[in-house]
Amino acid sequence: MVAAVIAVWRDQAIVDSLGRAARSPRWDALGVLALAALANQALTSGVFWTLMRRHGTVGFGEMNALVAASTLANYVPMQAGSIGRMAYHRAVNGIPVRTSLVVILQAMAATAAATCAVGAAAMFARGVGAPWWVALLVPAAWLPLAIEPTWRPFAAVMTLRSTEVLVWAAHAWAAFALSGWPVEPATAVGAALVASAANLVPFVGNGLGVREWAVALAAPVLGGFERDAGLAAELAGRAVDIAVAVPLGLVGIASLVARTRAAAASRG
């Protein structure tokens, strides 16, 4: 992250672009960024709730608090938030740590599959000359699987994860616009695919630092922006993500503390 800030600071053209953007801020882009962060919170909660409810009683509101708290705590190295979430499930919901770990791996696998599916759709659309928004149809492609009850949880998880990848595309578009370097929607989809893949890097919570450089170094492949413009956009997006994560996480932590105390009191 420090290297990203230094790289942006040393690029006078990007600094000038950020200055112009600061003087005339894109409030619509800022709003999209905040909504994207909230949407990702809800979608991730839906994924974990769908996967975990087969192993124990976990409320959707409770899962939202868990995801908000773990997202904030994952800014600490070594996935502290994910470890805390597993410990909570064991202490309050009676779900073994091993089961929670398997669910996390399943969620990561779903992210990888959804990223590949959206990427394949985008590449196919580009190859045949179809419009970029063909990739927006990917979430609906999983819905027919829900007809079969056995496949229903899988269909729900993949629909949610594919939608989350597309929300990252909106996040990328808004981050570039906010930093004064607007990009085409197709480029934003490509940046979202790179960001989703970067978020899967283990032991780096929320892809901190990795996501910024992954999008920046993908500039020659994606086109439409320079390396340092990618860094500036990702840093702008990260700032909004943290601004949303802090209050949500603190509220989530307070809720979980209350639930933990209540569970302990009920057990004497």
C-alpha atoms as a PDB file:
ATOM      1  CA  MET A   1       0.000   0.000   0.000  1.00  0.00           C
ATOM      2  CA  VAL A   2       2.848   2.368   0.826  1.00  0.00           C
ATOM      3  CA  ALA A   3       4.505   1.558  -2.504  1.00  0.00           C
ATOM      4  CA  ALA A   4       1.221   2.309  -4.295  1.00  0.00           C
ATOM      5  CA  VAL A   5       0.899   5.696  -2.588  1.00  0.00           C
ATOM      6  CA  ILE A   6       4.528   6.578  -3.424  1.00  0.00           C
ATOM      7  CA  ALA A   7       4.086   5.531  -7.064  1.00  0.00           C
ATOM      8  CA  VAL A   8       1.002   7.731  -7.427  1.00  0.00           C
ATOM      9  CA  TRP A   9       2.657  10.651  -5.626  1.00  0.00           C
ATOM     10  CA  ARG A  10       5.648  10.556  -7.990  1.00  0.00           C
ATOM     11  CA  ASP A  11       3.470  10.643 -11.129  1.00  0.00           C
ATOM     12  CA  GLN A  12       2.755  14.322 -11.700  1.00  0.00           C
ATOM     13  CA  ALA A  13       0.124  13.671 -14.387  1.00  0.00           C
ATOM     14  CA  ILE A  14      -1.867  11.463 -12.016  1.00  0.00           C
ATOM     15  CA  VAL A  15      -1.448  13.953  -9.170  1.00  0.00           C
ATOM     16  CA  ASP A  16      -2.820  16.690 -11.444  1.00  0.00           C
ATOM     17  CA  SER A  17      -5.730  14.437 -12.428  1.00  0.00           C
ATOM     18  CA  LEU A  18      -6.498  13.751  -8.758  1.00  0.00           C
ATOM     19  CA  GLY A  19      -6.337  17.483  -8.051  1.00  0.00           C
ATOM     20  CA  ARG A  20      -8.881  18.256 -10.763  1.00  0.00           C
ATOM     21  CA  ALA A  21     -11.099  15.440  -9.509  1.00  0.00           C
ATOM     22  CA  ALA A  22     -10.901  16.781  -5.949  1.00  0.00           C
ATOM     23  CA  ARG A  23     -11.906  20.266  -7.080  1.00  0.00           C
ATOM     24  CA  SER A  24     -14.901  18.913  -9.018  1.00  0.00           C
ATOM     25  CA  PRO A  25     -15.807  15.645  -7.280  1.00  0.00           C
ATOM     26  CA  ARG A  26     -18.040  13.062  -8.952  1.00  0.00           C
ATOM     27  CA  TRP A  27     -20.695  12.660  -6.288  1.00  0.00           C
ATOM     28  CA  ASP A  28     -22.466  10.041  -8.378  1.00  0.00           C
ATOM     29  CA  ALA A  29     -19.289   7.944  -8.447  1.00  0.00           C
ATOM     30  CA  LEU A  30     -18.866   8.353  -4.688  1.00  0.00           C
ATOM     31  CA  GLY A  31     -22.440   7.191  -4.185  1.00  0.00           C
ATOM     32  CA  VAL A  32     -21.921   4.165  -6.435  1.00  0.00           C
ATOM     33  CA  LEU A  33     -18.783   3.232  -4.471  1.00  0.00           C
ATOM     34  CA  ALA A  34     -20.615   3.396  -1.146  1.00  0.00           C
ATOM     35  CA  LEU A  35     -23.573   1.408  -2.499  1.00  0.00           C
ATOM     36  CA  ALA A  36     -21.208  -1.181  -4.001  1.00  0.00           C
ATOM     37  CA  ALA A  37     -19.513  -1.663  -0.622  1.00  0.00           C
ATOM     38  CA  LEU A  38     -22.905  -2.144   1.054  1.00  0.00           C
ATOM     39  CA  ALA A  39     -24.082  -4.499  -1.700  1.00  0.00           C
ATOM     40  CA  ASN A  40     -20.956  -6.627  -1.401  1.00  0.00           C
ATOM     41  CA  GLN A  41     -21.554  -6.851   2.349  1.00  0.00           C
ATOM     42  CA  ALA A  42     -25.097  -8.140   1.788  1.00  0.00           C
ATOM     43  CA  LEU A  43     -24.112 -10.519  -1.040  1.00  0.00           C
ATOM     44  CA  THR A  44     -21.204 -12.028   0.911  1.00  0.00           C
ATOM     45  CA  SER A  45     -23.481 -12.479   3.905  1.00  0.00           C
ATOM     46  CA  GLY A  46     -25.988 -14.252   1.682  1.00  0.00           C
ATOM     47  CA  VAL A  47     -23.312 -16.629   0.403  1.00  0.00           C
ATOM     48  CA  PHE A  48     -22.075 -17.586   3.872  1.00  0.00           C
ATOM     49  CA  TRP A  49     -25.599 -17.801   5.276  1.00  0.00           C
ATOM     50  CA  THR A  50     -26.653 -20.180   2.478  1.00  0.00           C
ATOM     51  CA  LEU A  51     -23.600 -22.385   3.010  1.00  0.00           C
ATOM     52  CA  MET A  52     -23.618 -22.322   6.814  1.00  0.00           C
ATOM     53  CA  ARG A  53     -27.310 -22.799   7.553  1.00  0.00           C
ATOM     54  CA  ARG A  54     -26.995 -26.484   6.580  1.00  0.00           C
ATOM     55  CA  HIS A  55     -24.668 -27.004   9.545  1.00  0.00           C
ATOM     56  CA  GLY A  56     -26.389 -25.018  12.287  1.00  0.00           C
ATOM     57  CA  THR A  57     -28.856 -22.313  13.189  1.00  0.00           C
ATOM     58  CA  VAL A  58     -27.476 -18.966  12.030  1.00  0.00           C
ATOM     59  CA  GLY A  59     -29.727 -15.964  11.415  1.00  0.00           C
ATOM     60  CA  PHE A  60     -29.269 -13.762   8.357  1.00  0.00           C
ATOM     61  CA  GLY A  61     -28.874 -10.669  10.521  1.00  0.00           C
ATOM     62  CA  GLU A  62     -26.357 -12.537  12.653  1.00  0.00           C
ATOM     63  CA  MET A  63     -24.408 -13.506   9.523  1.00  0.00           C
ATOM     64  CA  ASN A  64     -24.427  -9.880   8.357  1.00  0.00           C
ATOM     65  CA  ALA A  65     -22.899  -8.856  11.688  1.00  0.00           C
ATOM     66  CA  LEU A  66     -20.302 -11.619  11.372  1.00  0.00           C
ATOM     67  CA  VAL A  67     -19.306 -10.618   7.844  1.00  0.00           C
ATOM     68  CA  ALA A  68     -19.151  -6.907   8.757  1.00  0.00           C
ATOM     69  CA  ALA A  69     -16.990  -7.631  11.808  1.00  0.00           C
ATOM     70  CA  SER A  70     -14.693 -10.036   9.974  1.00  0.00           C
ATOM     71  CA  THR A  71     -14.309  -7.664   7.012  1.00  0.00           C
ATOM     72  CA  LEU A  72     -13.064  -4.961   9.359  1.00  0.00           C
ATOM     73  CA  ALA A  73     -10.846  -7.374  11.323  1.00  0.00           C
ATOM     74  CA  ASN A  74      -9.365  -8.811   8.114  1.00  0.00           C
ATOM     75  CA  TYR A  75      -7.456  -5.557   7.662  1.00  0.00           C
ATOM     76  CA  VAL A  76      -5.254  -7.027  10.382  1.00  0.00           C
ATOM     77  CA  PRO A  77      -2.709  -9.482   8.884  1.00  0.00           C
ATOM     78  CA  MET A  78      -3.266 -13.265   8.700  1.00  0.00           C
ATOM     79  CA  GLN A  79      -7.054 -13.164   8.154  1.00  0.00           C
ATOM     80  CA  ALA A  80      -7.859 -12.281  11.761  1.00  0.00           C
ATOM     81  CA  GLY A  81     -11.508 -11.691  10.872  1.00  0.00           C
ATOM     82  CA  SER A  82     -11.984 -15.130   9.315  1.00  0.00           C
ATOM     83  CA  ILE A  83     -10.381 -16.796  12.342  1.00  0.00           C
ATOM     84  CA  GLY A  84     -12.630 -14.809  14.655  1.00  0.00           C
ATOM     85  CA  ARG A  85     -15.700 -15.830  12.662  1.00  0.00           C
ATOM     86  CA  MET A  86     -14.796 -19.511  12.995  1.00  0.00           C
ATOM     87  CA  ALA A  87     -14.278 -19.092  16.750  1.00  0.00           C
ATOM     88  CA  TYR A  88     -17.664 -17.365  17.091  1.00  0.00           C
ATOM     89  CA  HIS A  89     -19.500 -20.148  15.243  1.00  0.00           C
ATOM     90  CA  ARG A  90     -17.863 -22.706  17.541  1.00  0.00           C
ATOM     91  CA  ALA A  91     -18.655 -20.814  20.743  1.00  0.00           C
ATOM     92  CA  VAL A  92     -22.168 -19.541  19.981  1.00  0.00           C
ATOM     93  CA  ASN A  93     -23.643 -21.707  17.205  1.00  0.00           C
ATOM     94  CA  GLY A  94     -21.932 -24.969  18.143  1.00  0.00           C
ATOM     95  CA  ILE A  95     -20.500 -25.360  14.632  1.00  0.00           C
ATOM     96  CA  PRO A  96     -17.063 -27.042  14.553  1.00  0.00           C
ATOM     97  CA  VAL A  97     -14.100 -24.990  13.361  1.00  0.00           C
ATOM     98  CA  ARG A  98     -13.426 -27.589  10.676  1.00  0.00           C
ATOM     99  CA  THR A  99     -16.918 -27.062   9.238  1.00  0.00           C
ATOM    100  CA  SER A 100     -16.450 -23.277   9.198  1.00  0.00           C
ATOM    101  CA  LEU A 101     -13.132 -23.708   7.400  1.00  0.00           C
ATOM    102  CA  VAL A 102     -14.744 -25.937   4.772  1.00  0.00           C
ATOM    103  CA  VAL A 103     -17.467 -23.304   4.242  1.00  0.00           C
ATOM    104  CA  ILE A 104     -14.826 -20.584   3.758  1.00  0.00           C
ATOM    105  CA  LEU A 105     -13.067 -22.753   1.171  1.00  0.00           C
ATOM    106  CA  GLN A 106     -16.389 -23.400  -0.574  1.00  0.00           C
ATOM    107  CA  ALA A 107     -17.078 -19.654  -0.700  1.00  0.00           C
ATOM    108  CA  MET A 108     -13.620 -19.040  -2.174  1.00  0.00           C
ATOM    109  CA  ALA A 109     -14.196 -21.755  -4.774  1.00  0.00           C
ATOM    110  CA  ALA A 110     -17.520 -20.125  -5.676  1.00  0.00           C
ATOM    111  CA  THR A 111     -15.753 -16.781  -6.121  1.00  0.00           C
ATOM    112  CA  ALA A 112     -13.184 -18.372  -8.428  1.00  0.00           C
ATOM    113  CA  ALA A 113     -15.905 -20.110 -10.469  1.00  0.00           C
ATOM    114  CA  ALA A 114     -18.029 -16.959 -10.717  1.00  0.00           C
ATOM    115  CA  THR A 115     -15.007 -14.906 -11.774  1.00  0.00           C
ATOM    116  CA  CYS A 116     -14.183 -17.432 -14.489  1.00  0.00           C
ATOM    117  CA  ALA A 117     -17.811 -17.513 -15.666  1.00  0.00           C
ATOM    118  CA  VAL A 118     -18.092 -13.725 -15.949  1.00  0.00           C
ATOM    119  CA  GLY A 119     -14.663 -13.578 -17.592  1.00  0.00           C
ATOM    120  CA  ALA A 120     -15.620 -16.249 -20.118  1.00  0.00           C
ATOM    121  CA  ALA A 121     -18.838 -14.395 -20.958  1.00  0.00           C
ATOM    122  CA  ALA A 122     -16.943 -11.112 -21.396  1.00  0.00           C
ATOM    123  CA  MET A 123     -14.319 -12.753 -23.637  1.00  0.00           C
ATOM    124  CA  PHE A 124     -17.010 -14.485 -25.690  1.00  0.00           C
ATOM    125  CA  ALA A 125     -18.892 -11.208 -26.146  1.00  0.00           C
ATOM    126  CA  ARG A 126     -15.717  -9.468 -27.252  1.00  0.00           C
ATOM    127  CA  GLY A 127     -14.807 -12.309 -29.628  1.00  0.00           C
ATOM    128  CA  VAL A 128     -18.132 -12.319 -31.457  1.00  0.00           C
ATOM    129  CA  GLY A 129     -18.606  -8.554 -31.371  1.00  0.00           C
ATOM    130  CA  ALA A 130     -21.465  -8.656 -28.876  1.00  0.00           C
ATOM    131  CA  PRO A 131     -22.041  -5.774 -26.429  1.00  0.00           C
ATOM    132  CA  TRP A 132     -20.150  -5.842 -23.116  1.00  0.00           C
ATOM    133  CA  TRP A 133     -23.349  -6.136 -21.077  1.00  0.00           C
ATOM    134  CA  VAL A 134     -23.688  -9.798 -22.083  1.00  0.00           C
ATOM    135  CA  ALA A 135     -21.603 -10.465 -18.948  1.00  0.00           C
ATOM    136  CA  LEU A 136     -24.481  -9.069 -16.874  1.00  0.00           C
ATOM    137  CA  LEU A 137     -26.547 -12.145 -17.796  1.00  0.00           C
ATOM    138  CA  VAL A 138     -24.236 -14.592 -16.003  1.00  0.00           C
ATOM    139  CA  PRO A 139     -26.071 -14.515 -12.621  1.00  0.00           C
ATOM    140  CA  ALA A 140     -29.307 -15.523 -14.343  1.00  0.00           C
ATOM    141  CA  ALA A 141     -27.567 -18.467 -16.031  1.00  0.00           C
ATOM    142  CA  TRP A 142     -27.386 -20.316 -12.688  1.00  0.00           C
ATOM    143  CA  LEU A 143     -31.087 -19.957 -11.854  1.00  0.00           C
ATOM    144  CA  PRO A 144     -32.342 -22.979 -13.879  1.00  0.00           C
ATOM    145  CA  LEU A 145     -30.301 -25.207 -11.555  1.00  0.00           C
ATOM    146  CA  ALA A 146     -32.580 -24.148  -8.685  1.00  0.00           C
ATOM    147  CA  ILE A 147     -35.384 -26.285 -10.154  1.00  0.00           C
ATOM    148  CA  GLU A 148     -33.687 -29.342  -8.680  1.00  0.00           C
ATOM    149  CA  PRO A 149     -33.776 -29.129  -4.836  1.00  0.00           C
ATOM    150  CA  THR A 150     -30.378 -30.785  -4.527  1.00  0.00           C
ATOM    151  CA  TRP A 151     -28.754 -28.077  -6.638  1.00  0.00           C
ATOM    152  CA  ARG A 152     -30.696 -25.183  -5.132  1.00  0.00           C
ATOM    153  CA  PRO A 153     -28.021 -24.061  -2.603  1.00  0.00           C
ATOM    154  CA  PHE A 154     -25.340 -24.251  -5.299  1.00  0.00           C
ATOM    155  CA  ALA A 155     -27.479 -22.178  -7.677  1.00  0.00           C
ATOM    156  CA  ALA A 156     -28.117 -19.573  -4.965  1.00  0.00           C
ATOM    157  CA  VAL A 157     -24.431 -19.297  -4.042  1.00  0.00           C
ATOM    158  CA  MET A 158     -23.284 -19.001  -7.653  1.00  0.00           C
ATOM    159  CA  THR A 159     -25.971 -16.420  -8.458  1.00  0.00           C
ATOM    160  CA  LEU A 160     -24.917 -14.326  -5.474  1.00  0.00           C
ATOM    161  CA  ARG A 161     -21.193 -14.654  -6.248  1.00  0.00           C
ATOM    162  CA  SER A 162     -21.655 -13.793  -9.931  1.00  0.00           C
ATOM    163  CA  THR A 163     -23.683 -10.751  -8.942  1.00  0.00           C
ATOM    164  CA  GLU A 164     -20.902  -9.784  -6.534  1.00  0.00           C
ATOM    165  CA  VAL A 165     -18.328  -9.876  -9.350  1.00  0.00           C
ATOM    166  CA  LEU A 166     -20.531  -7.523 -11.363  1.00  0.00           C
ATOM    167  CA  VAL A 167     -20.893  -5.233  -8.342  1.00  0.00           C
ATOM    168  CA  TRP A 168     -17.083  -5.097  -8.336  1.00  0.00           C
ATOM    169  CA  ALA A 169     -17.335  -3.865 -11.928  1.00  0.00           C
ATOM    170  CA  ALA A 170     -19.546  -0.985 -10.772  1.00  0.00           C
ATOM    171  CA  HIS A 171     -17.064  -0.405  -7.961  1.00  0.00           C
ATOM    172  CA  ALA A 172     -14.173  -0.244 -10.456  1.00  0.00           C
ATOM    173  CA  TRP A 173     -16.022   2.124 -12.793  1.00  0.00           C
ATOM    174  CA  ALA A 174     -16.855   4.460  -9.907  1.00  0.00           C
ATOM    175  CA  ALA A 175     -13.317   4.322  -8.478  1.00  0.00           C
ATOM    176  CA  PHE A 176     -11.798   5.363 -11.807  1.00  0.00           C
ATOM    177  CA  ALA A 177     -14.393   8.108 -12.261  1.00  0.00           C
ATOM    178  CA  LEU A 178     -13.827   9.424  -8.742  1.00  0.00           C
ATOM    179  CA  SER A 179     -10.054   9.590  -9.283  1.00  0.00           C
ATOM    180  CA  GLY A 180     -10.497  11.609 -12.485  1.00  0.00           C
ATOM    181  CA  TRP A 181      -9.702   8.834 -14.967  1.00  0.00           C
ATOM    182  CA  PRO A 182     -13.029   7.503 -16.349  1.00  0.00           C
ATOM    183  CA  VAL A 183     -12.989   4.139 -18.154  1.00  0.00           C
ATOM    184  CA  GLU A 184     -15.382   2.260 -20.383  1.00  0.00           C
ATOM    185  CA  PRO A 185     -17.764  -0.296 -18.796  1.00  0.00           C
ATOM    186  CA  ALA A 186     -15.932  -3.162 -20.525  1.00  0.00           C
ATOM    187  CA  THR A 187     -12.663  -2.032 -18.923  1.00  0.00           C
ATOM    188  CA  ALA A 188     -14.400  -1.840 -15.551  1.00  0.00           C
ATOM    189  CA  VAL A 189     -15.558  -5.457 -15.965  1.00  0.00           C
ATOM    190  CA  GLY A 190     -11.976  -6.496 -16.690  1.00  0.00           C
ATOM    191  CA  ALA A 191     -10.712  -4.628 -13.618  1.00  0.00           C
ATOM    192  CA  ALA A 192     -13.403  -6.328 -11.530  1.00  0.00           C
ATOM    193  CA  LEU A 193     -12.230  -9.761 -12.680  1.00  0.00           C
ATOM    194  CA  VAL A 194      -8.657  -8.917 -11.681  1.00  0.00           C
ATOM    195  CA  ALA A 195      -9.809  -7.518  -8.321  1.00  0.00           C
ATOM    196  CA  SER A 196     -11.922 -10.603  -7.580  1.00  0.00           C
ATOM    197  CA  ALA A 197      -8.972 -12.858  -8.305  1.00  0.00           C
ATOM    198  CA  ALA A 198      -6.702 -10.715  -6.102  1.00  0.00           C
ATOM    199  CA  ASN A 199      -9.146 -11.016  -3.206  1.00  0.00           C
ATOM    200  CA  LEU A 200      -8.565 -14.789  -3.243  1.00  0.00           C
ATOM    201  CA  VAL A 201      -4.877 -14.477  -2.325  1.00  0.00           C
ATOM    202  CA  PRO A 202      -4.567 -16.303   1.042  1.00  0.00           C
ATOM    203  CA  PHE A 203      -3.396 -14.661   4.272  1.00  0.00           C
ATOM    204  CA  VAL A 204      -3.984 -11.154   2.843  1.00  0.00           C
ATOM    205  CA  GLY A 205      -7.280  -9.885   4.215  1.00  0.00           C
ATOM    206  CA  ASN A 206      -9.464  -8.048   1.709  1.00  0.00           C
ATOM    207  CA  GLY A 207      -6.666  -8.253  -0.876  1.00  0.00           C
ATOM    208  CA  LEU A 208      -4.968  -5.296   0.840  1.00  0.00           C
ATOM    209  CA  GLY A 209      -2.188  -4.014  -1.414  1.00  0.00           C
ATOM    210  CA  VAL A 210      -2.496  -7.009  -3.737  1.00  0.00           C
ATOM    211  CA  ARG A 211      -5.698  -5.752  -5.335  1.00  0.00           C
ATOM    212  CA  GLU A 212      -4.257  -2.303  -5.992  1.00  0.00           C
ATOM    213  CA  TRP A 213      -1.156  -3.594  -7.768  1.00  0.00           C
ATOM    214  CA  ALA A 214      -3.000  -6.388  -9.593  1.00  0.00           C
ATOM    215  CA  VAL A 215      -5.377  -3.918 -11.266  1.00  0.00           C
ATOM    216  CA  ALA A 216      -2.530  -1.480 -11.960  1.00  0.00           C
ATOM    217  CA  LEU A 217      -0.253  -4.094 -13.544  1.00  0.00           C
ATOM    218  CA  ALA A 218      -3.149  -5.403 -15.667  1.00  0.00           C
ATOM    219  CA  ALA A 219      -3.377  -2.031 -17.431  1.00  0.00           C
ATOM    220  CA  PRO A 220      -1.567  -3.169 -20.629  1.00  0.00           C
ATOM    221  CA  VAL A 221      -3.975  -6.101 -20.978  1.00  0.00           C
ATOM    222  CA  LEU A 222      -7.197  -4.306 -20.060  1.00  0.00           C
ATOM    223  CA  GLY A 223      -6.425  -1.016 -21.805  1.00  0.00           C
ATOM    224  CA  GLY A 224      -8.059   2.333 -21.146  1.00  0.00           C
ATOM    225  CA  PHE A 225      -5.806   3.444 -18.293  1.00  0.00           C
ATOM    226  CA  GLU A 226      -2.188   3.704 -17.214  1.00  0.00           C
ATOM    227  CA  ARG A 227      -0.545   1.791 -14.374  1.00  0.00           C
ATOM    228  CA  ASP A 228      -0.494   4.680 -11.923  1.00  0.00           C
ATOM    229  CA  ALA A 229      -4.070   5.607 -12.855  1.00  0.00           C
ATOM    230  CA  GLY A 230      -5.059   2.075 -11.819  1.00  0.00           C
ATOM    231  CA  LEU A 231      -3.251   2.546  -8.512  1.00  0.00           C
ATOM    232  CA  ALA A 232      -4.935   5.889  -7.918  1.00  0.00           C
ATOM    233  CA  ALA A 233      -8.373   4.469  -8.686  1.00  0.00           C
ATOM    234  CA  GLU A 234      -7.905   1.455  -6.432  1.00  0.00           C
ATOM    235  CA  LEU A 235      -6.630   3.635  -3.602  1.00  0.00           C
ATOM    236  CA  ALA A 236      -9.695   5.872  -3.969  1.00  0.00           C
ATOM    237  CA  GLY A 237     -11.950   2.836  -3.944  1.00  0.00           C
ATOM    238  CA  ARG A 238     -10.119   1.394  -0.940  1.00  0.00           C
ATOM    239  CA  ALA A 239     -10.593   4.636   0.999  1.00  0.00           C
ATOM    240  CA  VAL A 240     -14.367   4.445   0.496  1.00  0.00           C
ATOM    241  CA  ASP A 241     -14.394   0.723   1.348  1.00  0.00           C
ATOM    242  CA  ILE A 242     -12.670   1.419   4.667  1.00  0.00           C
ATOM    243  CA  ALA A 243     -14.971   4.354   5.394  1.00  0.00           C
ATOM    244  CA  VAL A 244     -17.930   1.969   5.013  1.00  0.00           C
ATOM    245  CA  ALA A 245     -16.266  -1.009   6.733  1.00  0.00           C
ATOM    246  CA  VAL A 246     -15.391   0.820   9.956  1.00  0.00           C
ATOM    247  CA  PRO A 247     -18.934   1.759  11.122  1.00  0.00           C
ATOM    248  CA  LEU A 248     -20.447  -1.489   9.822  1.00  0.00           C
ATOM    249  CA  GLY A 249     -17.721  -3.518  11.510  1.00  0.00           C
ATOM    250  CA  LEU A 250     -18.030  -1.716  14.843  1.00  0.00           C
ATOM    251  CA  VAL A 251     -21.809  -2.221  14.859  1.00  0.00           C
ATOM    252  CA  GLY A 252     -21.288  -5.872  13.927  1.00  0.00           C
ATOM    253  CA  ILE A 253     -18.752  -6.394  16.710  1.00  0.00           C
ATOM    254  CA  ALA A 254     -21.079  -4.833  19.284  1.00  0.00           C
ATOM    255  CA  SER A 255     -23.914  -7.092  18.125  1.00  0.00           C
ATOM    256  CA  LEU A 256     -21.726 -10.197  18.296  1.00  0.00           C
ATOM    257  CA  VAL A 257     -20.459  -9.337  21.782  1.00  0.00           C
ATOM    258  CA  ALA A 258     -24.057  -9.071  22.978  1.00  0.00           C
ATOM    259  CA  ARG A 259     -24.959 -12.387  21.348  1.00  0.00           C
ATOM    260  CA  THR A 260     -21.919 -14.104  22.835  1.00  0.00           C
ATOM    261  CA  ARG A 261     -22.730 -12.863  26.331  1.00  0.00           C
ATOM    262  CA  ALA A 262     -26.341 -13.952  25.953  1.00  0.00           C
ATOM    263  CA  ALA A 263     -25.256 -17.418  24.801  1.00  0.00           C
ATOM    264  CA  ALA A 264     -22.856 -17.708  27.739  1.00  0.00           C
ATOM    265  CA  ALA A 265     -25.545 -16.610  30.210  1.00  0.00           C
ATOM    266  CA  SER A 266     -28.056 -19.124  28.841  1.00  0.00           C
ATOM    267  CA  ARG A 267     -25.522 -21.900  29.434  1.00  0.00           C
ATOM    268  CA  GLY A 268     -24.865 -20.763  32.961  1.00  0.00           C
END
